[in-house]
Amino acid sequence: MNFRSLKQSLSEVFERIKTAVADGDLPNKPDVEQFVRLSRLFHAQAQDEWAGEVEDFCLLADQLNQAARRKHLEEVIMLVDSLNDAQNYCHRSFRSRP
């Protein structure tokens, strides 16, 4: 999967997860599993200057998967918020680089 397609797929599945959580529901298992898989692929393709941020993102994705499996909605909500913050930080950092 090329980088652009990977990034688009990751964004789409994350939006589905955020929508479920915003509706007060747990995200569905296939979406969470796909999100973790895509996050790992994204990490594998990360450039050195932002690989650390993507590694942190992957750790949060793994934690989200565990919380969703345990059906801990409050923890899932916090992790989705943290993932969203991490994504926003990475995007801001990337766009501000010369």
PDB file of N, CA and C in Angstrom:
ATOM      1  N   MET A   1       0.856  -1.172   0.000  1.00  0.00           N
ATOM      2  CA  MET A   1       0.000   0.000   0.000  1.00  0.00           C
ATOM      3  C   MET A   1       0.902   1.234   0.000  1.00  0.00           C
ATOM      4  N   ASN A   2       0.650   2.157  -0.924  1.00  0.00           N
ATOM      5  CA  ASN A   2       1.480   3.357  -0.959  1.00  0.00           C
ATOM      6  C   ASN A   2       1.111   4.286   0.204  1.00  0.00           C
ATOM      7  N   PHE A   3       2.008   5.212   0.471  1.00  0.00           N
ATOM      8  CA  PHE A   3       1.875   6.074   1.644  1.00  0.00           C
ATOM      9  C   PHE A   3       0.575   6.876   1.629  1.00  0.00           C
ATOM     10  N   ARG A   4       0.231   7.444   0.495  1.00  0.00           N
ATOM     11  CA  ARG A   4      -0.982   8.268   0.402  1.00  0.00           C
ATOM     12  C   ARG A   4      -2.242   7.432   0.678  1.00  0.00           C
ATOM     13  N   SER A   5      -2.307   6.244   0.095  1.00  0.00           N
ATOM     14  CA  SER A   5      -3.455   5.359   0.321  1.00  0.00           C
ATOM     15  C   SER A   5      -3.520   4.917   1.772  1.00  0.00           C
ATOM     16  N   LEU A   6      -2.377   4.617   2.324  1.00  0.00           N
ATOM     17  CA  LEU A   6      -2.303   4.203   3.722  1.00  0.00           C
ATOM     18  C   LEU A   6      -2.808   5.313   4.640  1.00  0.00           C
ATOM     19  N   LYS A   7      -2.345   6.511   4.402  1.00  0.00           N
ATOM     20  CA  LYS A   7      -2.763   7.646   5.227  1.00  0.00           C
ATOM     21  C   LYS A   7      -4.272   7.883   5.102  1.00  0.00           C
ATOM     22  N   GLN A   8      -4.815   7.767   3.893  1.00  0.00           N
ATOM     23  CA  GLN A   8      -6.245   7.945   3.670  1.00  0.00           C
ATOM     24  C   GLN A   8      -7.051   6.857   4.384  1.00  0.00           C
ATOM     25  N   SER A   9      -6.617   5.613   4.274  1.00  0.00           N
ATOM     26  CA  SER A   9      -7.316   4.502   4.933  1.00  0.00           C
ATOM     27  C   SER A   9      -7.282   4.654   6.446  1.00  0.00           C
ATOM     28  N   LEU A  10      -6.132   5.059   6.963  1.00  0.00           N
ATOM     29  CA  LEU A  10      -5.984   5.268   8.399  1.00  0.00           C
ATOM     30  C   LEU A  10      -6.925   6.373   8.872  1.00  0.00           C
ATOM     31  N   SER A  11      -7.006   7.432   8.116  1.00  0.00           N
ATOM     32  CA  SER A  11      -7.888   8.546   8.453  1.00  0.00           C
ATOM     33  C   SER A  11      -9.358   8.118   8.430  1.00  0.00           C
ATOM     34  N   GLU A  12      -9.743   7.345   7.430  1.00  0.00           N
ATOM     35  CA  GLU A  12     -11.135   6.902   7.306  1.00  0.00           C
ATOM     36  C   GLU A  12     -11.559   6.014   8.473  1.00  0.00           C
ATOM     37  N   VAL A  13     -10.714   5.052   8.836  1.00  0.00           N
ATOM     38  CA  VAL A  13     -11.080   4.162   9.937  1.00  0.00           C
ATOM     39  C   VAL A  13     -11.059   4.912  11.264  1.00  0.00           C
ATOM     40  N   PHE A  14     -10.163   5.859  11.423  1.00  0.00           N
ATOM     41  CA  PHE A  14     -10.132   6.648  12.653  1.00  0.00           C
ATOM     42  C   PHE A  14     -11.398   7.499  12.769  1.00  0.00           C
ATOM     43  N   GLU A  15     -11.875   8.024  11.666  1.00  0.00           N
ATOM     44  CA  GLU A  15     -13.128   8.798  11.688  1.00  0.00           C
ATOM     45  C   GLU A  15     -14.298   7.921  12.117  1.00  0.00           C
ATOM     46  N   ARG A  16     -14.348   6.679  11.654  1.00  0.00           N
ATOM     47  CA  ARG A  16     -15.419   5.763  12.074  1.00  0.00           C
ATOM     48  C   ARG A  16     -15.331   5.485  13.573  1.00  0.00           C
ATOM     49  N   ILE A  17     -14.119   5.318  14.062  1.00  0.00           N
ATOM     50  CA  ILE A  17     -13.923   5.080  15.499  1.00  0.00           C
ATOM     51  C   ILE A  17     -14.363   6.303  16.290  1.00  0.00           C
ATOM     52  N   LYS A  18     -13.948   7.492  15.856  1.00  0.00           N
ATOM     53  CA  LYS A  18     -14.323   8.719  16.575  1.00  0.00           C
ATOM     54  C   LYS A  18     -15.835   8.928  16.553  1.00  0.00           C
ATOM     55  N   THR A  19     -16.481   8.605  15.444  1.00  0.00           N
ATOM     56  CA  THR A  19     -17.934   8.756  15.353  1.00  0.00           C
ATOM     57  C   THR A  19     -18.635   7.827  16.332  1.00  0.00           C
ATOM     58  N   ALA A  20     -18.200   6.583  16.409  1.00  0.00           N
ATOM     59  CA  ALA A  20     -18.802   5.637  17.355  1.00  0.00           C
ATOM     60  C   ALA A  20     -18.662   6.145  18.779  1.00  0.00           C
ATOM     61  N   VAL A  21     -17.464   6.603  19.125  1.00  0.00           N
ATOM     62  CA  VAL A  21     -17.207   7.088  20.480  1.00  0.00           C
ATOM     63  C   VAL A  21     -18.025   8.346  20.767  1.00  0.00           C
ATOM     64  N   ALA A  22     -18.126   9.242  19.798  1.00  0.00           N
ATOM     65  CA  ALA A  22     -18.922  10.464  19.977  1.00  0.00           C
ATOM     66  C   ALA A  22     -20.393  10.130  20.208  1.00  0.00           C
ATOM     67  N   ASP A  23     -20.854   9.005  19.646  1.00  0.00           N
ATOM     68  CA  ASP A  23     -22.234   8.560  19.841  1.00  0.00           C
ATOM     69  C   ASP A  23     -22.414   7.784  21.141  1.00  0.00           C
ATOM     70  N   GLY A  24     -21.324   7.637  21.910  1.00  0.00           N
ATOM     71  CA  GLY A  24     -21.389   6.932  23.183  1.00  0.00           C
ATOM     72  C   GLY A  24     -21.271   5.427  23.062  1.00  0.00           C
ATOM     73  N   ASP A  25     -20.779   4.962  21.912  1.00  0.00           N
ATOM     74  CA  ASP A  25     -20.650   3.530  21.673  1.00  0.00           C
ATOM     75  C   ASP A  25     -19.180   3.127  21.605  1.00  0.00           C
ATOM     76  N   LEU A  26     -18.936   1.856  21.848  1.00  0.00           N
ATOM     77  CA  LEU A  26     -17.609   1.308  21.582  1.00  0.00           C
ATOM     78  C   LEU A  26     -17.435   1.174  20.072  1.00  0.00           C
ATOM     79  N   PRO A  27     -16.242   1.435  19.573  1.00  0.00           N
ATOM     80  CA  PRO A  27     -16.017   1.203  18.143  1.00  0.00           C
ATOM     81  C   PRO A  27     -16.092  -0.290  17.864  1.00  0.00           C
ATOM     82  N   ASN A  28     -16.465  -0.641  16.618  1.00  0.00           N
ATOM     83  CA  ASN A  28     -16.562  -2.071  16.338  1.00  0.00           C
ATOM     84  C   ASN A  28     -15.177  -2.693  16.222  1.00  0.00           C
ATOM     85  N   LYS A  29     -15.133  -3.960  16.546  1.00  0.00           N
ATOM     86  CA  LYS A  29     -13.869  -4.692  16.621  1.00  0.00           C
ATOM     87  C   LYS A  29     -13.087  -4.655  15.299  1.00  0.00           C
ATOM     88  N   PRO A  30     -13.724  -4.893  14.145  1.00  0.00           N
ATOM     89  CA  PRO A  30     -12.957  -4.850  12.887  1.00  0.00           C
ATOM     90  C   PRO A  30     -12.314  -3.482  12.623  1.00  0.00           C
ATOM     91  N   ASP A  31     -13.007  -2.395  12.979  1.00  0.00           N
ATOM     92  CA  ASP A  31     -12.416  -1.065  12.788  1.00  0.00           C
ATOM     93  C   ASP A  31     -11.188  -0.873  13.666  1.00  0.00           C
ATOM     94  N   VAL A  32     -11.279  -1.287  14.920  1.00  0.00           N
ATOM     95  CA  VAL A  32     -10.149  -1.122  15.832  1.00  0.00           C
ATOM     96  C   VAL A  32      -8.969  -1.979  15.368  1.00  0.00           C
ATOM     97  N   GLU A  33      -9.243  -3.191  14.967  1.00  0.00           N
ATOM     98  CA  GLU A  33      -8.174  -4.068  14.495  1.00  0.00           C
ATOM     99  C   GLU A  33      -7.530  -3.522  13.224  1.00  0.00           C
ATOM    100  N   GLN A  34      -8.346  -2.982  12.314  1.00  0.00           N
ATOM    101  CA  GLN A  34      -7.800  -2.376  11.100  1.00  0.00           C
ATOM    102  C   GLN A  34      -6.980  -1.137  11.437  1.00  0.00           C
ATOM    103  N   PHE A  35      -7.451  -0.355  12.400  1.00  0.00           N
ATOM    104  CA  PHE A  35      -6.741   0.841  12.824  1.00  0.00           C
ATOM    105  C   PHE A  35      -5.356   0.493  13.355  1.00  0.00           C
ATOM    106  N   VAL A  36      -5.278  -0.539  14.179  1.00  0.00           N
ATOM    107  CA  VAL A  36      -3.991  -0.970  14.728  1.00  0.00           C
ATOM    108  C   VAL A  36      -3.081  -1.452  13.600  1.00  0.00           C
ATOM    109  N   ARG A  37      -3.619  -2.253  12.697  1.00  0.00           N
ATOM    110  CA  ARG A  37      -2.823  -2.778  11.583  1.00  0.00           C
ATOM    111  C   ARG A  37      -2.296  -1.650  10.700  1.00  0.00           C
ATOM    112  N   LEU A  38      -3.162  -0.699  10.370  1.00  0.00           N
ATOM    113  CA  LEU A  38      -2.746   0.430   9.535  1.00  0.00           C
ATOM    114  C   LEU A  38      -1.745   1.325  10.259  1.00  0.00           C
ATOM    115  N   SER A  39      -1.921   1.496  11.562  1.00  0.00           N
ATOM    116  CA  SER A  39      -0.969   2.296  12.341  1.00  0.00           C
ATOM    117  C   SER A  39       0.417   1.675  12.296  1.00  0.00           C
ATOM    118  N   ARG A  40       0.468   0.365  12.387  1.00  0.00           N
ATOM    119  CA  ARG A  40       1.759  -0.333  12.327  1.00  0.00           C
ATOM    120  C   ARG A  40       2.392  -0.208  10.939  1.00  0.00           C
ATOM    121  N   LEU A  41       1.586  -0.306   9.898  1.00  0.00           N
ATOM    122  CA  LEU A  41       2.103  -0.110   8.540  1.00  0.00           C
ATOM    123  C   LEU A  41       2.613   1.317   8.365  1.00  0.00           C
ATOM    124  N   PHE A  42       1.883   2.265   8.929  1.00  0.00           N
ATOM    125  CA  PHE A  42       2.283   3.671   8.862  1.00  0.00           C
ATOM    126  C   PHE A  42       3.631   3.857   9.553  1.00  0.00           C
ATOM    127  N   HIS A  43       3.791   3.214  10.703  1.00  0.00           N
ATOM    128  CA  HIS A  43       5.049   3.293  11.437  1.00  0.00           C
ATOM    129  C   HIS A  43       6.190   2.705  10.606  1.00  0.00           C
ATOM    130  N   ALA A  44       5.915   1.612   9.929  1.00  0.00           N
ATOM    131  CA  ALA A  44       6.946   0.972   9.103  1.00  0.00           C
ATOM    132  C   ALA A  44       7.403   1.872   7.960  1.00  0.00           C
ATOM    133  N   GLN A  45       6.533   2.776   7.511  1.00  0.00           N
ATOM    134  CA  GLN A  45       6.874   3.668   6.410  1.00  0.00           C
ATOM    135  C   GLN A  45       7.313   5.057   6.880  1.00  0.00           C
ATOM    136  N   ALA A  46       7.327   5.272   8.176  1.00  0.00           N
ATOM    137  CA  ALA A  46       7.628   6.603   8.715  1.00  0.00           C
ATOM    138  C   ALA A  46       9.076   7.003   8.437  1.00  0.00           C
ATOM    139  N   GLN A  47       9.230   8.270   8.141  1.00  0.00           N
ATOM    140  CA  GLN A  47      10.567   8.832   7.980  1.00  0.00           C
ATOM    141  C   GLN A  47      11.178   9.035   9.364  1.00  0.00           C
ATOM    142  N   ASP A  48      12.498   9.044   9.411  1.00  0.00           N
ATOM    143  CA  ASP A  48      13.199   9.143  10.690  1.00  0.00           C
ATOM    144  C   ASP A  48      12.775  10.350  11.517  1.00  0.00           C
ATOM    145  N   GLU A  49      12.529  11.498  10.862  1.00  0.00           N
ATOM    146  CA  GLU A  49      12.243  12.703  11.644  1.00  0.00           C
ATOM    147  C   GLU A  49      10.908  12.661  12.364  1.00  0.00           C
ATOM    148  N   TRP A  50       9.986  11.789  11.975  1.00  0.00           N
ATOM    149  CA  TRP A  50       8.732  11.700  12.715  1.00  0.00           C
ATOM    150  C   TRP A  50       8.390  10.275  13.127  1.00  0.00           C
ATOM    151  N   ALA A  51       9.344   9.376  13.074  1.00  0.00           N
ATOM    152  CA  ALA A  51       9.113   7.979  13.464  1.00  0.00           C
ATOM    153  C   ALA A  51       8.748   7.861  14.950  1.00  0.00           C
ATOM    154  N   GLY A  52       9.350   8.702  15.786  1.00  0.00           N
ATOM    155  CA  GLY A  52       9.043   8.654  17.219  1.00  0.00           C
ATOM    156  C   GLY A  52       7.593   8.972  17.512  1.00  0.00           C
ATOM    157  N   GLU A  53       7.068   9.985  16.833  1.00  0.00           N
ATOM    158  CA  GLU A  53       5.664  10.350  17.027  1.00  0.00           C
ATOM    159  C   GLU A  53       4.743   9.219  16.578  1.00  0.00           C
ATOM    160  N   VAL A  54       5.088   8.581  15.468  1.00  0.00           N
ATOM    161  CA  VAL A  54       4.260   7.488  14.966  1.00  0.00           C
ATOM    162  C   VAL A  54       4.351   6.279  15.889  1.00  0.00           C
ATOM    163  N   GLU A  55       5.509   6.062  16.470  1.00  0.00           N
ATOM    164  CA  GLU A  55       5.647   4.961  17.436  1.00  0.00           C
ATOM    165  C   GLU A  55       4.739   5.199  18.637  1.00  0.00           C
ATOM    166  N   ASP A  56       4.707   6.424  19.141  1.00  0.00           N
ATOM    167  CA  ASP A  56       3.806   6.758  20.249  1.00  0.00           C
ATOM    168  C   ASP A  56       2.347   6.542  19.845  1.00  0.00           C
ATOM    169  N   PHE A  57       2.014   6.927  18.621  1.00  0.00           N
ATOM    170  CA  PHE A  57       0.662   6.756  18.096  1.00  0.00           C
ATOM    171  C   PHE A  57       0.304   5.264  18.080  1.00  0.00           C
ATOM    172  N   CYS A  58       1.242   4.422  17.646  1.00  0.00           N
ATOM    173  CA  CYS A  58       1.011   2.973  17.611  1.00  0.00           C
ATOM    174  C   CYS A  58       0.778   2.404  19.004  1.00  0.00           C
ATOM    175  N   LEU A  59       1.519   2.898  19.972  1.00  0.00           N
ATOM    176  CA  LEU A  59       1.319   2.435  21.352  1.00  0.00           C
ATOM    177  C   LEU A  59      -0.082   2.797  21.844  1.00  0.00           C
ATOM    178  N   LEU A  60      -0.523   3.997  21.520  1.00  0.00           N
ATOM    179  CA  LEU A  60      -1.879   4.398  21.887  1.00  0.00           C
ATOM    180  C   LEU A  60      -2.915   3.541  21.164  1.00  0.00           C
ATOM    181  N   ALA A  61      -2.661   3.221  19.896  1.00  0.00           N
ATOM    182  CA  ALA A  61      -3.574   2.369  19.133  1.00  0.00           C
ATOM    183  C   ALA A  61      -3.676   0.989  19.771  1.00  0.00           C
ATOM    184  N   ASP A  62      -2.555   0.444  20.207  1.00  0.00           N
ATOM    185  CA  ASP A  62      -2.568  -0.855  20.893  1.00  0.00           C
ATOM    186  C   ASP A  62      -3.364  -0.775  22.200  1.00  0.00           C
ATOM    187  N   GLN A  63      -3.186   0.323  22.934  1.00  0.00           N
ATOM    188  CA  GLN A  63      -3.937   0.501  24.180  1.00  0.00           C
ATOM    189  C   GLN A  63      -5.432   0.625  23.893  1.00  0.00           C
ATOM    190  N   LEU A  64      -5.779   1.314  22.801  1.00  0.00           N
ATOM    191  CA  LEU A  64      -7.180   1.427  22.401  1.00  0.00           C
ATOM    192  C   LEU A  64      -7.757   0.040  22.120  1.00  0.00           C
ATOM    193  N   ASN A  65      -7.008  -0.773  21.418  1.00  0.00           N
ATOM    194  CA  ASN A  65      -7.452  -2.121  21.100  1.00  0.00           C
ATOM    195  C   ASN A  65      -7.729  -2.913  22.377  1.00  0.00           C
ATOM    196  N   GLN A  66      -6.827  -2.831  23.338  1.00  0.00           N
ATOM    197  CA  GLN A  66      -7.004  -3.550  24.599  1.00  0.00           C
ATOM    198  C   GLN A  66      -8.226  -3.039  25.367  1.00  0.00           C
ATOM    199  N   ALA A  67      -8.391  -1.721  25.424  1.00  0.00           N
ATOM    200  CA  ALA A  67      -9.535  -1.149  26.140  1.00  0.00           C
ATOM    201  C   ALA A  67     -10.852  -1.531  25.463  1.00  0.00           C
ATOM    202  N   ALA A  68     -10.870  -1.526  24.150  1.00  0.00           N
ATOM    203  CA  ALA A  68     -12.083  -1.897  23.415  1.00  0.00           C
ATOM    204  C   ALA A  68     -12.415  -3.374  23.632  1.00  0.00           C
ATOM    205  N   ARG A  69     -11.388  -4.214  23.653  1.00  0.00           N
ATOM    206  CA  ARG A  69     -11.615  -5.649  23.910  1.00  0.00           C
ATOM    207  C   ARG A  69     -12.214  -5.876  25.296  1.00  0.00           C
ATOM    208  N   ARG A  70     -11.776  -5.065  26.256  1.00  0.00           N
ATOM    209  CA  ARG A  70     -12.298  -5.182  27.630  1.00  0.00           C
ATOM    210  C   ARG A  70     -13.627  -4.451  27.802  1.00  0.00           C
ATOM    211  N   LYS A  71     -14.052  -3.766  26.729  1.00  0.00           N
ATOM    212  CA  LYS A  71     -15.307  -3.001  26.724  1.00  0.00           C
ATOM    213  C   LYS A  71     -15.321  -1.899  27.783  1.00  0.00           C
ATOM    214  N   HIS A  72     -14.164  -1.236  27.955  1.00  0.00           N
ATOM    215  CA  HIS A  72     -14.035  -0.111  28.889  1.00  0.00           C
ATOM    216  C   HIS A  72     -14.236   1.194  28.117  1.00  0.00           C
ATOM    217  N   LEU A  73     -15.491   1.610  28.032  1.00  0.00           N
ATOM    218  CA  LEU A  73     -15.841   2.769  27.222  1.00  0.00           C
ATOM    219  C   LEU A  73     -15.112   4.034  27.665  1.00  0.00           C
ATOM    220  N   GLU A  74     -15.040   4.286  28.965  1.00  0.00           N
ATOM    221  CA  GLU A  74     -14.370   5.505  29.440  1.00  0.00           C
ATOM    222  C   GLU A  74     -12.903   5.530  29.019  1.00  0.00           C
ATOM    223  N   GLU A  75     -12.233   4.405  29.120  1.00  0.00           N
ATOM    224  CA  GLU A  75     -10.835   4.318  28.701  1.00  0.00           C
ATOM    225  C   GLU A  75     -10.710   4.498  27.189  1.00  0.00           C
ATOM    226  N   VAL A  76     -11.642   3.912  26.449  1.00  0.00           N
ATOM    227  CA  VAL A  76     -11.650   4.069  24.992  1.00  0.00           C
ATOM    228  C   VAL A  76     -11.796   5.546  24.628  1.00  0.00           C
ATOM    229  N   ILE A  77     -12.690   6.232  25.295  1.00  0.00           N
ATOM    230  CA  ILE A  77     -12.904   7.660  25.028  1.00  0.00           C
ATOM    231  C   ILE A  77     -11.615   8.448  25.277  1.00  0.00           C
ATOM    232  N   MET A  78     -10.964   8.179  26.396  1.00  0.00           N
ATOM    233  CA  MET A  78      -9.719   8.893  26.712  1.00  0.00           C
ATOM    234  C   MET A  78      -8.635   8.590  25.673  1.00  0.00           C
ATOM    235  N   LEU A  79      -8.551   7.355  25.250  1.00  0.00           N
ATOM    236  CA  LEU A  79      -7.526   6.980  24.269  1.00  0.00           C
ATOM    237  C   LEU A  79      -7.807   7.568  22.894  1.00  0.00           C
ATOM    238  N   VAL A  80      -9.062   7.620  22.510  1.00  0.00           N
ATOM    239  CA  VAL A  80      -9.405   8.254  21.233  1.00  0.00           C
ATOM    240  C   VAL A  80      -9.047   9.738  21.286  1.00  0.00           C
ATOM    241  N   ASP A  81      -9.322  10.380  22.414  1.00  0.00           N
ATOM    242  CA  ASP A  81      -8.925  11.788  22.575  1.00  0.00           C
ATOM    243  C   ASP A  81      -7.408  11.944  22.480  1.00  0.00           C
ATOM    244  N   SER A  82      -6.684  11.044  23.125  1.00  0.00           N
ATOM    245  CA  SER A  82      -5.213  11.097  23.081  1.00  0.00           C
ATOM    246  C   SER A  82      -4.704  10.852  21.664  1.00  0.00           C
ATOM    247  N   LEU A  83      -5.296   9.903  20.964  1.00  0.00           N
ATOM    248  CA  LEU A  83      -4.906   9.638  19.573  1.00  0.00           C
ATOM    249  C   LEU A  83      -5.195  10.843  18.685  1.00  0.00           C
ATOM    250  N   ASN A  84      -6.327  11.477  18.913  1.00  0.00           N
ATOM    251  CA  ASN A  84      -6.671  12.664  18.132  1.00  0.00           C
ATOM    252  C   ASN A  84      -5.677  13.790  18.401  1.00  0.00           C
ATOM    253  N   ASP A  85      -5.321  13.982  19.675  1.00  0.00           N
ATOM    254  CA  ASP A  85      -4.318  14.994  20.030  1.00  0.00           C
ATOM    255  C   ASP A  85      -2.968  14.671  19.388  1.00  0.00           C
ATOM    256  N   ALA A  86      -2.577  13.401  19.424  1.00  0.00           N
ATOM    257  CA  ALA A  86      -1.304  12.986  18.834  1.00  0.00           C
ATOM    258  C   ALA A  86      -1.307  13.218  17.323  1.00  0.00           C
ATOM    259  N   GLN A  87      -2.417  12.902  16.692  1.00  0.00           N
ATOM    260  CA  GLN A  87      -2.536  13.125  15.246  1.00  0.00           C
ATOM    261  C   GLN A  87      -2.428  14.616  14.924  1.00  0.00           C
ATOM    262  N   ASN A  88      -3.151  15.434  15.665  1.00  0.00           N
ATOM    263  CA  ASN A  88      -3.108  16.876  15.425  1.00  0.00           C
ATOM    264  C   ASN A  88      -1.708  17.441  15.644  1.00  0.00           C
ATOM    265  N   TYR A  89      -1.042  16.987  16.703  1.00  0.00           N
ATOM    266  CA  TYR A  89       0.315  17.451  16.984  1.00  0.00           C
ATOM    267  C   TYR A  89       1.253  17.080  15.835  1.00  0.00           C
ATOM    268  N   CYS A  90       1.153  15.858  15.384  1.00  0.00           N
ATOM    269  CA  CYS A  90       2.019  15.393  14.294  1.00  0.00           C
ATOM    270  C   CYS A  90       1.761  16.199  13.020  1.00  0.00           C
ATOM    271  N   HIS A  91       0.499  16.428  12.703  1.00  0.00           N
ATOM    272  CA  HIS A  91       0.170  17.187  11.508  1.00  0.00           C
ATOM    273  C   HIS A  91       0.688  18.623  11.612  1.00  0.00           C
ATOM    274  N   ARG A  92       0.503  19.241  12.771  1.00  0.00           N
ATOM    275  CA  ARG A  92       1.021  20.612  12.954  1.00  0.00           C
ATOM    276  C   ARG A  92       2.536  20.639  12.840  1.00  0.00           C
ATOM    277  N   SER A  93       3.194  19.681  13.468  1.00  0.00           N
ATOM    278  CA  SER A  93       4.661  19.625  13.415  1.00  0.00           C
ATOM    279  C   SER A  93       5.155  19.410  11.998  1.00  0.00           C
ATOM    280  N   PHE A  94       4.515  18.527  11.282  1.00  0.00           N
ATOM    281  CA  PHE A  94       4.937  18.211   9.914  1.00  0.00           C
ATOM    282  C   PHE A  94       4.756  19.424   8.995  1.00  0.00           C
ATOM    283  N   ARG A  95       3.630  20.098   9.151  1.00  0.00           N
ATOM    284  CA  ARG A  95       3.347  21.259   8.285  1.00  0.00           C
ATOM    285  C   ARG A  95       4.249  22.450   8.580  1.00  0.00           C
ATOM    286  N   SER A  96       4.750  22.533   9.818  1.00  0.00           N
ATOM    287  CA  SER A  96       5.578  23.682  10.189  1.00  0.00           C
ATOM    288  C   SER A  96       7.066  23.485   9.850  1.00  0.00           C
ATOM    289  N   ARG A  97       7.417  22.299   9.376  1.00  0.00           N
ATOM    290  CA  ARG A  97       8.837  22.046   9.038  1.00  0.00           C
ATOM    291  C   ARG A  97       9.202  22.725   7.730  1.00  0.00           C
ATOM    292  N   PRO A  98      10.429  23.227   7.674  1.00  0.00           N
ATOM    293  CA  PRO A  98      10.860  23.905   6.436  1.00  0.00           C
ATOM    294  C   PRO A  98      11.026  22.948   5.275  1.00  0.00           C
TER     295      PRO A  98
END
